[in-house]
Amino acid sequence: MTVDSEYTARKDHTTDGADDASWEADWDDEYGPVVRAAGRQLKLWREAANLTQAELGEAIGYSMAMVSAVERAKRLPHPEFLAKADEFLGAGGKLAALRKDMEEARYPKKVRDLAKLEAEAVELGAYGSHNIHGLLQTEEYARALFDMRRPAYSKDDLERHVAARLARQGIFERTPTPTLTFVLDEATLRRPLGGRMVLRRQLEHLLEIGQLRHVEIQVMPLNREDHAGMGGQLQVLKLRDGATVGYSEAQLITHLVSDPKEVQVLELRYGIIRAQALSPRESLAFIEKLLGEIT
């Protein structure tokens, strides 16, 4: 992998919050041909069955406009759409087989890009200052976070963002296992995004994840007088090919850092942040204490 050529231009997205500069569907050249091929296949099977778009839509529970949009590659078909169309048209699994590609294409491009980096990572370190890191979020916490985004996401966009975030969490089960470290600002553990019960279940989830042998979770207490993370959220990934890249977040923008000198700065800051934070053992005890305070 060549980090400079493949990833350097990605500066228009967020990784683990809910902000996003894009208003448009963003499947790109990588998935565009697959989406168009799926539309052509659907049209061929429909025409072979001598059905109009309206007739197929009525048979599988979707509108004619939806069928038309899928055939013209203007909308991504949901897995259920493909499964029902496959069964009704007698496609023998050929349409249903496209579900995995369509599910991946539904994920925002920014998340597909990040997931590629995470798939290459042998070590990942992240500091979060205003919300729980995306890899650690429960589904309901992630949904609450995206639901409060302004301008508001449509229902479909909200669901695809949640699905994409949860899909990234497969990194915990990857073999060989990467080393994953997280430093969470105490404020992120006290902020009741989605409500107190959502926060309670989120803290319980952190305690479970924190027991994994390849995961370390640390807490940066609010009472620290010296804090190397005041510049905001950051992430450092060491890749299989030996390269190291970093992310830093701000409003509407996540900046990918691949310049060695800049990466070195992020690594230095993250190392100091970890040294200033509670130890992993102390952090889990701290999270357990906070959990006991939620009624």
C-alpha atoms as a PDB file:
ATOM      1  CA  MET A   1       0.000   0.000   0.000  1.00  0.00           C
ATOM      2  CA  THR A   2       1.233   3.477  -0.829  1.00  0.00           C
ATOM      3  CA  VAL A   3      -0.215   5.730   1.827  1.00  0.00           C
ATOM      4  CA  ASP A   4       0.547   8.997   0.030  1.00  0.00           C
ATOM      5  CA  SER A   5      -1.144   8.008  -3.224  1.00  0.00           C
ATOM      6  CA  GLU A   6      -4.095   6.107  -1.806  1.00  0.00           C
ATOM      7  CA  TYR A   7      -5.120   8.093   1.236  1.00  0.00           C
ATOM      8  CA  THR A   8      -3.610  11.576   1.299  1.00  0.00           C
ATOM      9  CA  ALA A   9      -6.516  13.354  -0.415  1.00  0.00           C
ATOM     10  CA  ARG A  10      -9.096  12.239   2.134  1.00  0.00           C
ATOM     11  CA  LYS A  11      -9.748  15.382   4.106  1.00  0.00           C
ATOM     12  CA  ASP A  12     -13.503  15.839   3.913  1.00  0.00           C
ATOM     13  CA  HIS A  13     -14.939  13.507   6.480  1.00  0.00           C
ATOM     14  CA  THR A  14     -15.283  12.632  10.123  1.00  0.00           C
ATOM     15  CA  THR A  15     -14.362   9.314  11.682  1.00  0.00           C
ATOM     16  CA  ASP A  16     -16.121   8.838  14.994  1.00  0.00           C
ATOM     17  CA  GLY A  17     -18.462  11.760  15.618  1.00  0.00           C
ATOM     18  CA  ALA A  18     -21.610  12.512  13.639  1.00  0.00           C
ATOM     19  CA  ASP A  19     -20.565  15.431  11.474  1.00  0.00           C
ATOM     20  CA  ASP A  20     -20.266  15.169   7.706  1.00  0.00           C
ATOM     21  CA  ALA A  21     -19.729  17.752   4.973  1.00  0.00           C
ATOM     22  CA  SER A  22     -21.494  15.756   2.256  1.00  0.00           C
ATOM     23  CA  TRP A  23     -25.194  15.945   1.345  1.00  0.00           C
ATOM     24  CA  GLU A  24     -25.008  13.509  -1.579  1.00  0.00           C
ATOM     25  CA  ALA A  25     -24.901   9.752  -2.084  1.00  0.00           C
ATOM     26  CA  ASP A  26     -21.222   8.920  -2.256  1.00  0.00           C
ATOM     27  CA  TRP A  27     -20.597   5.496  -3.756  1.00  0.00           C
ATOM     28  CA  ASP A  28     -17.597   6.106  -5.953  1.00  0.00           C
ATOM     29  CA  ASP A  29     -15.727   4.528  -8.855  1.00  0.00           C
ATOM     30  CA  GLU A  30     -14.884   1.513  -6.730  1.00  0.00           C
ATOM     31  CA  TYR A  31     -18.538   0.566  -6.247  1.00  0.00           C
ATOM     32  CA  GLY A  32     -20.138   2.488  -9.111  1.00  0.00           C
ATOM     33  CA  PRO A  33     -19.688  -0.361 -11.656  1.00  0.00           C
ATOM     34  CA  VAL A  34     -21.090  -2.869  -9.155  1.00  0.00           C
ATOM     35  CA  VAL A  35     -24.147  -0.703  -8.477  1.00  0.00           C
ATOM     36  CA  ARG A  36     -24.762  -0.212 -12.200  1.00  0.00           C
ATOM     37  CA  ALA A  37     -24.301  -3.938 -12.870  1.00  0.00           C
ATOM     38  CA  ALA A  38     -26.864  -4.756 -10.156  1.00  0.00           C
ATOM     39  CA  GLY A  39     -29.331  -2.396 -11.832  1.00  0.00           C
ATOM     40  CA  ARG A  40     -28.777  -4.012 -15.231  1.00  0.00           C
ATOM     41  CA  GLN A  41     -29.217  -7.506 -13.773  1.00  0.00           C
ATOM     42  CA  LEU A  42     -32.480  -6.536 -12.119  1.00  0.00           C
ATOM     43  CA  LYS A  43     -33.767  -5.050 -15.367  1.00  0.00           C
ATOM     44  CA  LEU A  44     -32.789  -8.146 -17.376  1.00  0.00           C
ATOM     45  CA  TRP A  45     -34.536 -10.508 -14.967  1.00  0.00           C
ATOM     46  CA  ARG A  46     -37.625  -8.265 -14.822  1.00  0.00           C
ATOM     47  CA  GLU A  47     -37.900  -8.013 -18.603  1.00  0.00           C
ATOM     48  CA  ALA A  48     -37.354 -11.765 -18.959  1.00  0.00           C
ATOM     49  CA  ALA A  49     -40.403 -12.220 -16.720  1.00  0.00           C
ATOM     50  CA  ASN A  50     -42.412  -9.768 -18.890  1.00  0.00           C
ATOM     51  CA  LEU A  51     -43.059  -7.488 -15.944  1.00  0.00           C
ATOM     52  CA  THR A  52     -43.252  -3.716 -15.795  1.00  0.00           C
ATOM     53  CA  GLN A  53     -41.443  -1.823 -13.075  1.00  0.00           C
ATOM     54  CA  ALA A  54     -44.771  -1.132 -11.409  1.00  0.00           C
ATOM     55  CA  GLU A  55     -45.727  -4.831 -11.453  1.00  0.00           C
ATOM     56  CA  LEU A  56     -42.428  -5.925  -9.944  1.00  0.00           C
ATOM     57  CA  GLY A  57     -42.615  -3.204  -7.324  1.00  0.00           C
ATOM     58  CA  GLU A  58     -46.126  -4.213  -6.293  1.00  0.00           C
ATOM     59  CA  ALA A  59     -45.101  -7.878  -6.099  1.00  0.00           C
ATOM     60  CA  ILE A  60     -42.151  -7.278  -3.769  1.00  0.00           C
ATOM     61  CA  GLY A  61     -43.582  -4.393  -1.761  1.00  0.00           C
ATOM     62  CA  TYR A  62     -41.730  -1.440  -3.278  1.00  0.00           C
ATOM     63  CA  SER A  63     -42.792   1.484  -5.432  1.00  0.00           C
ATOM     64  CA  MET A  64     -42.280   1.691  -9.186  1.00  0.00           C
ATOM     65  CA  ALA A  65     -40.039   4.696  -8.530  1.00  0.00           C
ATOM     66  CA  MET A  66     -37.800   2.591  -6.313  1.00  0.00           C
ATOM     67  CA  VAL A  67     -37.492  -0.190  -8.906  1.00  0.00           C
ATOM     68  CA  SER A  68     -36.715   2.390 -11.582  1.00  0.00           C
ATOM     69  CA  ALA A  69     -34.121   4.103  -9.411  1.00  0.00           C
ATOM     70  CA  VAL A  70     -32.351   0.803  -8.658  1.00  0.00           C
ATOM     71  CA  GLU A  71     -32.292  -0.157 -12.347  1.00  0.00           C
ATOM     72  CA  ARG A  72     -30.796   3.232 -13.234  1.00  0.00           C
ATOM     73  CA  ALA A  73     -28.244   3.001 -10.383  1.00  0.00           C
ATOM     74  CA  LYS A  74     -29.753   6.072  -8.734  1.00  0.00           C
ATOM     75  CA  ARG A  75     -30.611   4.242  -5.519  1.00  0.00           C
ATOM     76  CA  LEU A  76     -28.890   1.399  -3.718  1.00  0.00           C
ATOM     77  CA  PRO A  77     -31.160  -1.602  -3.182  1.00  0.00           C
ATOM     78  CA  HIS A  78     -31.602  -2.782   0.368  1.00  0.00           C
ATOM     79  CA  PRO A  79     -30.719  -6.449   1.033  1.00  0.00           C
ATOM     80  CA  GLU A  80     -34.423  -7.197   1.529  1.00  0.00           C
ATOM     81  CA  PHE A  81     -35.209  -5.690  -1.887  1.00  0.00           C
ATOM     82  CA  LEU A  82     -32.693  -7.983  -3.600  1.00  0.00           C
ATOM     83  CA  ALA A  83     -33.840 -11.045  -1.653  1.00  0.00           C
ATOM     84  CA  LYS A  84     -37.502 -10.507  -2.547  1.00  0.00           C
ATOM     85  CA  ALA A  85     -36.729  -9.698  -6.186  1.00  0.00           C
ATOM     86  CA  ASP A  86     -34.535 -12.780  -6.472  1.00  0.00           C
ATOM     87  CA  GLU A  87     -37.242 -15.048  -5.088  1.00  0.00           C
ATOM     88  CA  PHE A  88     -40.090 -13.534  -7.117  1.00  0.00           C
ATOM     89  CA  LEU A  89     -38.156 -13.476 -10.407  1.00  0.00           C
ATOM     90  CA  GLY A  90     -36.710 -16.946  -9.900  1.00  0.00           C
ATOM     91  CA  ALA A  91     -33.150 -15.672 -10.245  1.00  0.00           C
ATOM     92  CA  GLY A  92     -31.747 -18.628  -8.334  1.00  0.00           C
ATOM     93  CA  GLY A  93     -29.677 -16.524  -5.933  1.00  0.00           C
ATOM     94  CA  LYS A  94     -27.999 -14.399  -8.614  1.00  0.00           C
ATOM     95  CA  LEU A  95     -29.616 -11.176  -7.405  1.00  0.00           C
ATOM     96  CA  ALA A  96     -29.426 -12.098  -3.739  1.00  0.00           C
ATOM     97  CA  ALA A  97     -25.684 -12.695  -4.159  1.00  0.00           C
ATOM     98  CA  LEU A  98     -25.244  -8.967  -4.746  1.00  0.00           C
ATOM     99  CA  ARG A  99     -26.347  -8.128  -1.206  1.00  0.00           C
ATOM    100  CA  LYS A 100     -22.871  -8.033   0.337  1.00  0.00           C
ATOM    101  CA  ASP A 101     -21.549  -5.597  -2.281  1.00  0.00           C
ATOM    102  CA  MET A 102     -24.623  -3.417  -1.942  1.00  0.00           C
ATOM    103  CA  GLU A 103     -24.324  -3.360   1.848  1.00  0.00           C
ATOM    104  CA  GLU A 104     -20.727  -2.197   1.581  1.00  0.00           C
ATOM    105  CA  ALA A 105     -21.613   0.373  -1.069  1.00  0.00           C
ATOM    106  CA  ARG A 106     -24.259   1.789   1.286  1.00  0.00           C
ATOM    107  CA  TYR A 107     -21.575   2.748   3.778  1.00  0.00           C
ATOM    108  CA  PRO A 108     -20.393   6.344   3.338  1.00  0.00           C
ATOM    109  CA  LYS A 109     -17.154   6.556   1.364  1.00  0.00           C
ATOM    110  CA  LYS A 110     -15.382   8.185   4.296  1.00  0.00           C
ATOM    111  CA  VAL A 111     -16.113   5.125   6.421  1.00  0.00           C
ATOM    112  CA  ARG A 112     -15.024   2.687   3.709  1.00  0.00           C
ATOM    113  CA  ASP A 113     -11.746   4.611   3.499  1.00  0.00           C
ATOM    114  CA  LEU A 114     -11.232   4.491   7.243  1.00  0.00           C
ATOM    115  CA  ALA A 115     -12.190   0.807   7.394  1.00  0.00           C
ATOM    116  CA  LYS A 116      -9.477   0.053   4.821  1.00  0.00           C
ATOM    117  CA  LEU A 117      -6.882   1.734   7.005  1.00  0.00           C
ATOM    118  CA  GLU A 118      -8.133  -0.072  10.104  1.00  0.00           C
ATOM    119  CA  ALA A 119      -8.018  -3.385   8.218  1.00  0.00           C
ATOM    120  CA  GLU A 120      -4.321  -2.732   7.549  1.00  0.00           C
ATOM    121  CA  ALA A 121      -3.531  -1.654  11.104  1.00  0.00           C
ATOM    122  CA  VAL A 122      -1.412  -3.782  13.426  1.00  0.00           C
ATOM    123  CA  GLU A 123      -1.682  -1.112  16.094  1.00  0.00           C
ATOM    124  CA  LEU A 124      -4.277   1.606  16.615  1.00  0.00           C
ATOM    125  CA  GLY A 125      -4.306   4.312  19.238  1.00  0.00           C
ATOM    126  CA  ALA A 126      -7.048   6.901  19.639  1.00  0.00           C
ATOM    127  CA  TYR A 127      -7.896   9.788  21.945  1.00  0.00           C
ATOM    128  CA  GLY A 128     -11.503  10.974  22.169  1.00  0.00           C
ATOM    129  CA  SER A 129     -12.503  14.271  23.740  1.00  0.00           C
ATOM    130  CA  HIS A 130     -16.204  14.852  23.036  1.00  0.00           C
ATOM    131  CA  ASN A 131     -17.780  11.432  22.409  1.00  0.00           C
ATOM    132  CA  ILE A 132     -16.928   7.753  22.862  1.00  0.00           C
ATOM    133  CA  HIS A 133     -14.699   6.518  20.028  1.00  0.00           C
ATOM    134  CA  GLY A 134     -16.651   4.930  17.153  1.00  0.00           C
ATOM    135  CA  LEU A 135     -15.065   1.495  17.559  1.00  0.00           C
ATOM    136  CA  LEU A 136     -16.295   1.414  21.158  1.00  0.00           C
ATOM    137  CA  GLN A 137     -19.842   2.691  20.614  1.00  0.00           C
ATOM    138  CA  THR A 138     -22.948   0.604  21.211  1.00  0.00           C
ATOM    139  CA  GLU A 139     -25.564   0.657  18.477  1.00  0.00           C
ATOM    140  CA  GLU A 140     -27.958   2.830  20.464  1.00  0.00           C
ATOM    141  CA  TYR A 141     -25.200   5.290  21.413  1.00  0.00           C
ATOM    142  CA  ALA A 142     -24.112   5.572  17.772  1.00  0.00           C
ATOM    143  CA  ARG A 143     -27.724   6.044  16.669  1.00  0.00           C
ATOM    144  CA  ALA A 144     -28.272   8.773  19.262  1.00  0.00           C
ATOM    145  CA  LEU A 145     -25.109  10.521  18.109  1.00  0.00           C
ATOM    146  CA  PHE A 146     -26.145  10.489  14.451  1.00  0.00           C
ATOM    147  CA  ASP A 147     -29.734  11.407  15.344  1.00  0.00           C
ATOM    148  CA  MET A 148     -28.614  14.693  16.936  1.00  0.00           C
ATOM    149  CA  ARG A 149     -26.536  15.725  13.912  1.00  0.00           C
ATOM    150  CA  ARG A 150     -27.552  19.049  12.331  1.00  0.00           C
ATOM    151  CA  PRO A 151     -28.543  19.434   9.548  1.00  0.00           C
ATOM    152  CA  ALA A 152     -30.431  16.231  10.292  1.00  0.00           C
ATOM    153  CA  TYR A 153     -29.780  13.019   8.388  1.00  0.00           C
ATOM    154  CA  SER A 154     -32.650  11.351   6.562  1.00  0.00           C
ATOM    155  CA  LYS A 155     -33.810   8.068   8.085  1.00  0.00           C
ATOM    156  CA  ASP A 156     -31.990   6.080   5.380  1.00  0.00           C
ATOM    157  CA  ASP A 157     -28.772   8.052   5.789  1.00  0.00           C
ATOM    158  CA  LEU A 158     -28.907   7.667   9.563  1.00  0.00           C
ATOM    159  CA  GLU A 159     -29.289   3.893   9.262  1.00  0.00           C
ATOM    160  CA  ARG A 160     -26.449   3.511   6.771  1.00  0.00           C
ATOM    161  CA  HIS A 161     -24.127   5.572   8.965  1.00  0.00           C
ATOM    162  CA  VAL A 162     -24.998   3.445  12.002  1.00  0.00           C
ATOM    163  CA  ALA A 163     -24.524   0.218  10.014  1.00  0.00           C
ATOM    164  CA  ALA A 164     -21.175   1.425   8.704  1.00  0.00           C
ATOM    165  CA  ARG A 165     -19.932   2.332  12.163  1.00  0.00           C
ATOM    166  CA  LEU A 166     -20.916  -1.026  13.608  1.00  0.00           C
ATOM    167  CA  ALA A 167     -19.306  -2.848  10.668  1.00  0.00           C
ATOM    168  CA  ARG A 168     -15.951  -1.265  11.556  1.00  0.00           C
ATOM    169  CA  GLN A 169     -16.095  -2.968  14.941  1.00  0.00           C
ATOM    170  CA  GLY A 170     -15.193  -6.263  13.296  1.00  0.00           C
ATOM    171  CA  ILE A 171     -11.607  -5.175  13.993  1.00  0.00           C
ATOM    172  CA  PHE A 172     -11.988  -6.617  17.515  1.00  0.00           C
ATOM    173  CA  GLU A 173     -12.434 -10.126  16.081  1.00  0.00           C
ATOM    174  CA  ARG A 174      -9.784  -9.901  13.385  1.00  0.00           C
ATOM    175  CA  THR A 175      -6.991 -12.460  13.174  1.00  0.00           C
ATOM    176  CA  PRO A 176      -4.199 -11.747  13.828  1.00  0.00           C
ATOM    177  CA  THR A 177      -5.479  -9.374  16.457  1.00  0.00           C
ATOM    178  CA  PRO A 178      -4.236  -5.773  16.297  1.00  0.00           C
ATOM    179  CA  THR A 179      -3.267  -3.925  19.452  1.00  0.00           C
ATOM    180  CA  LEU A 180      -5.976  -1.356  20.201  1.00  0.00           C
ATOM    181  CA  THR A 181      -5.582   1.424  22.749  1.00  0.00           C
ATOM    182  CA  PHE A 182      -8.061   4.164  23.575  1.00  0.00           C
ATOM    183  CA  VAL A 183      -7.936   7.201  25.838  1.00  0.00           C
ATOM    184  CA  LEU A 184     -11.339   8.660  26.642  1.00  0.00           C
ATOM    185  CA  ASP A 185     -11.773  12.045  28.235  1.00  0.00           C
ATOM    186  CA  GLU A 186     -13.805  11.780  31.435  1.00  0.00           C
ATOM    187  CA  ALA A 187     -16.360  14.168  29.915  1.00  0.00           C
ATOM    188  CA  THR A 188     -17.246  11.558  27.264  1.00  0.00           C
ATOM    189  CA  LEU A 189     -18.101   9.096  30.031  1.00  0.00           C
ATOM    190  CA  ARG A 190     -20.379  11.542  31.832  1.00  0.00           C
ATOM    191  CA  ARG A 191     -22.165  13.111  28.852  1.00  0.00           C
ATOM    192  CA  PRO A 192     -25.547  11.284  28.667  1.00  0.00           C
ATOM    193  CA  LEU A 193     -25.952  11.276  24.888  1.00  0.00           C
ATOM    194  CA  GLY A 194     -29.222   9.518  24.117  1.00  0.00           C
ATOM    195  CA  GLY A 195     -30.234   9.457  27.790  1.00  0.00           C
ATOM    196  CA  ARG A 196     -28.953   7.984  31.035  1.00  0.00           C
ATOM    197  CA  MET A 197     -29.828   4.378  30.192  1.00  0.00           C
ATOM    198  CA  VAL A 198     -28.049   4.631  26.840  1.00  0.00           C
ATOM    199  CA  LEU A 199     -25.006   5.910  28.701  1.00  0.00           C
ATOM    200  CA  ARG A 200     -25.314   3.141  31.284  1.00  0.00           C
ATOM    201  CA  ARG A 201     -25.296   0.422  28.621  1.00  0.00           C
ATOM    202  CA  GLN A 202     -22.415   2.198  26.884  1.00  0.00           C
ATOM    203  CA  LEU A 203     -20.333   2.126  30.062  1.00  0.00           C
ATOM    204  CA  GLU A 204     -21.174  -1.555  30.559  1.00  0.00           C
ATOM    205  CA  HIS A 205     -19.978  -2.188  27.004  1.00  0.00           C
ATOM    206  CA  LEU A 206     -16.702  -0.394  27.716  1.00  0.00           C
ATOM    207  CA  LEU A 207     -16.107  -2.638  30.720  1.00  0.00           C
ATOM    208  CA  GLU A 208     -16.648  -5.710  28.533  1.00  0.00           C
ATOM    209  CA  ILE A 209     -14.380  -4.502  25.734  1.00  0.00           C
ATOM    210  CA  GLY A 210     -11.748  -3.461  28.267  1.00  0.00           C
ATOM    211  CA  GLN A 211     -11.368  -7.100  29.337  1.00  0.00           C
ATOM    212  CA  LEU A 212     -10.071  -8.156  25.915  1.00  0.00           C
ATOM    213  CA  ARG A 213      -6.368  -8.983  26.016  1.00  0.00           C
ATOM    214  CA  HIS A 214      -5.491  -6.886  22.960  1.00  0.00           C
ATOM    215  CA  VAL A 215      -7.476  -3.820  24.075  1.00  0.00           C
ATOM    216  CA  GLU A 216      -6.525  -1.144  26.601  1.00  0.00           C
ATOM    217  CA  ILE A 217      -8.941   1.614  27.614  1.00  0.00           C
ATOM    218  CA  GLN A 218      -7.725   4.578  29.641  1.00  0.00           C
ATOM    219  CA  VAL A 219      -9.519   7.567  31.103  1.00  0.00           C
ATOM    220  CA  MET A 220      -8.188  11.134  31.134  1.00  0.00           C
ATOM    221  CA  PRO A 221      -9.621  12.643  34.344  1.00  0.00           C
ATOM    222  CA  LEU A 222     -11.110  16.127  34.315  1.00  0.00           C
ATOM    223  CA  ASN A 223      -8.905  17.189  37.214  1.00  0.00           C
ATOM    224  CA  ARG A 224      -5.644  16.856  35.291  1.00  0.00           C
ATOM    225  CA  GLU A 225      -3.769  20.167  35.341  1.00  0.00           C
ATOM    226  CA  ASP A 226      -1.611  19.141  32.356  1.00  0.00           C
ATOM    227  CA  HIS A 227      -3.338  17.731  29.275  1.00  0.00           C
ATOM    228  CA  ALA A 228      -1.589  17.053  25.949  1.00  0.00           C
ATOM    229  CA  GLY A 229      -4.896  16.427  24.173  1.00  0.00           C
ATOM    230  CA  MET A 230      -6.308  19.931  24.251  1.00  0.00           C
ATOM    231  CA  GLY A 231      -5.858  20.172  20.480  1.00  0.00           C
ATOM    232  CA  GLY A 232      -8.755  17.737  19.994  1.00  0.00           C
ATOM    233  CA  GLN A 233      -9.368  14.158  18.941  1.00  0.00           C
ATOM    234  CA  LEU A 234      -6.614  12.208  17.248  1.00  0.00           C
ATOM    235  CA  GLN A 235      -5.856   8.732  16.015  1.00  0.00           C
ATOM    236  CA  VAL A 236      -2.602   6.977  15.081  1.00  0.00           C
ATOM    237  CA  LEU A 237      -2.488   3.783  13.020  1.00  0.00           C
ATOM    238  CA  LYS A 238       0.579   1.637  12.408  1.00  0.00           C
ATOM    239  CA  LEU A 239       0.049  -0.394   9.230  1.00  0.00           C
ATOM    240  CA  ARG A 240       1.229  -3.836   8.156  1.00  0.00           C
ATOM    241  CA  ASP A 241       3.650  -2.409   5.609  1.00  0.00           C
ATOM    242  CA  GLY A 242       5.457  -0.432   8.302  1.00  0.00           C
ATOM    243  CA  ALA A 243       3.893   2.938   7.507  1.00  0.00           C
ATOM    244  CA  THR A 244       2.240   5.049  10.198  1.00  0.00           C
ATOM    245  CA  VAL A 245      -0.603   7.462   9.547  1.00  0.00           C
ATOM    246  CA  GLY A 246      -2.691   9.702  11.751  1.00  0.00           C
ATOM    247  CA  TYR A 247      -6.085  11.395  11.880  1.00  0.00           C
ATOM    248  CA  SER A 248      -7.079  14.608  13.550  1.00  0.00           C
ATOM    249  CA  GLU A 249     -10.666  15.853  13.734  1.00  0.00           C
ATOM    250  CA  ALA A 250     -12.342  19.244  13.583  1.00  0.00           C
ATOM    251  CA  GLN A 251     -15.703  20.657  12.463  1.00  0.00           C
ATOM    252  CA  LEU A 252     -16.700  19.007   9.132  1.00  0.00           C
ATOM    253  CA  ILE A 253     -13.126  17.880   8.547  1.00  0.00           C
ATOM    254  CA  THR A 254     -10.970  14.924   9.415  1.00  0.00           C
ATOM    255  CA  HIS A 255      -7.422  15.378   8.224  1.00  0.00           C
ATOM    256  CA  LEU A 256      -5.401  12.336   7.243  1.00  0.00           C
ATOM    257  CA  VAL A 257      -1.766  12.824   8.198  1.00  0.00           C
ATOM    258  CA  SER A 258       0.891  10.847   6.332  1.00  0.00           C
ATOM    259  CA  ASP A 259       3.854  13.242   6.408  1.00  0.00           C
ATOM    260  CA  PRO A 260       6.400  11.555   8.734  1.00  0.00           C
ATOM    261  CA  LYS A 261       7.144  14.757  10.655  1.00  0.00           C
ATOM    262  CA  GLU A 262       3.461  15.452  11.308  1.00  0.00           C
ATOM    263  CA  VAL A 263       2.807  11.814  12.217  1.00  0.00           C
ATOM    264  CA  GLN A 264       5.661  12.034  14.687  1.00  0.00           C
ATOM    265  CA  VAL A 265       3.934  14.969  16.390  1.00  0.00           C
ATOM    266  CA  LEU A 266       0.684  12.997  16.737  1.00  0.00           C
ATOM    267  CA  GLU A 267       2.551   9.966  18.072  1.00  0.00           C
ATOM    268  CA  LEU A 268       4.326  12.165  20.617  1.00  0.00           C
ATOM    269  CA  ARG A 269       1.085  13.762  21.746  1.00  0.00           C
ATOM    270  CA  TYR A 270      -0.698  10.424  22.019  1.00  0.00           C
ATOM    271  CA  GLY A 271       2.145   8.958  24.045  1.00  0.00           C
ATOM    272  CA  ILE A 272       1.994  11.881  26.480  1.00  0.00           C
ATOM    273  CA  ILE A 273      -1.806  11.631  26.683  1.00  0.00           C
ATOM    274  CA  ARG A 274      -1.520   7.963  27.650  1.00  0.00           C
ATOM    275  CA  ALA A 275       1.099   8.803  30.285  1.00  0.00           C
ATOM    276  CA  GLN A 276      -1.129  11.513  31.761  1.00  0.00           C
ATOM    277  CA  ALA A 277      -4.249   9.322  31.838  1.00  0.00           C
ATOM    278  CA  LEU A 278      -5.214   6.741  34.432  1.00  0.00           C
ATOM    279  CA  SER A 279      -3.734   3.276  33.894  1.00  0.00           C
ATOM    280  CA  PRO A 280      -5.961   0.687  32.160  1.00  0.00           C
ATOM    281  CA  ARG A 281      -6.695  -1.025  35.496  1.00  0.00           C
ATOM    282  CA  GLU A 282      -7.465   2.285  37.213  1.00  0.00           C
ATOM    283  CA  SER A 283      -9.589   3.340  34.237  1.00  0.00           C
ATOM    284  CA  LEU A 284     -11.829   0.283  34.346  1.00  0.00           C
ATOM    285  CA  ALA A 285     -12.330   0.839  38.073  1.00  0.00           C
ATOM    286  CA  PHE A 286     -13.171   4.487  37.337  1.00  0.00           C
ATOM    287  CA  ILE A 287     -15.743   3.481  34.678  1.00  0.00           C
ATOM    288  CA  GLU A 288     -17.266   0.985  37.108  1.00  0.00           C
ATOM    289  CA  LYS A 289     -17.553   3.748  39.699  1.00  0.00           C
ATOM    290  CA  LEU A 290     -19.309   6.032  37.200  1.00  0.00           C
ATOM    291  CA  LEU A 291     -21.648   3.188  36.296  1.00  0.00           C
ATOM    292  CA  GLY A 292     -22.650   2.881  39.943  1.00  0.00           C
ATOM    293  CA  GLU A 293     -23.587   6.577  40.001  1.00  0.00           C
ATOM    294  CA  ILE A 294     -26.171   6.193  37.219  1.00  0.00           C
ATOM    295  CA  THR A 295     -29.622   5.465  38.580  1.00  0.00           C
END
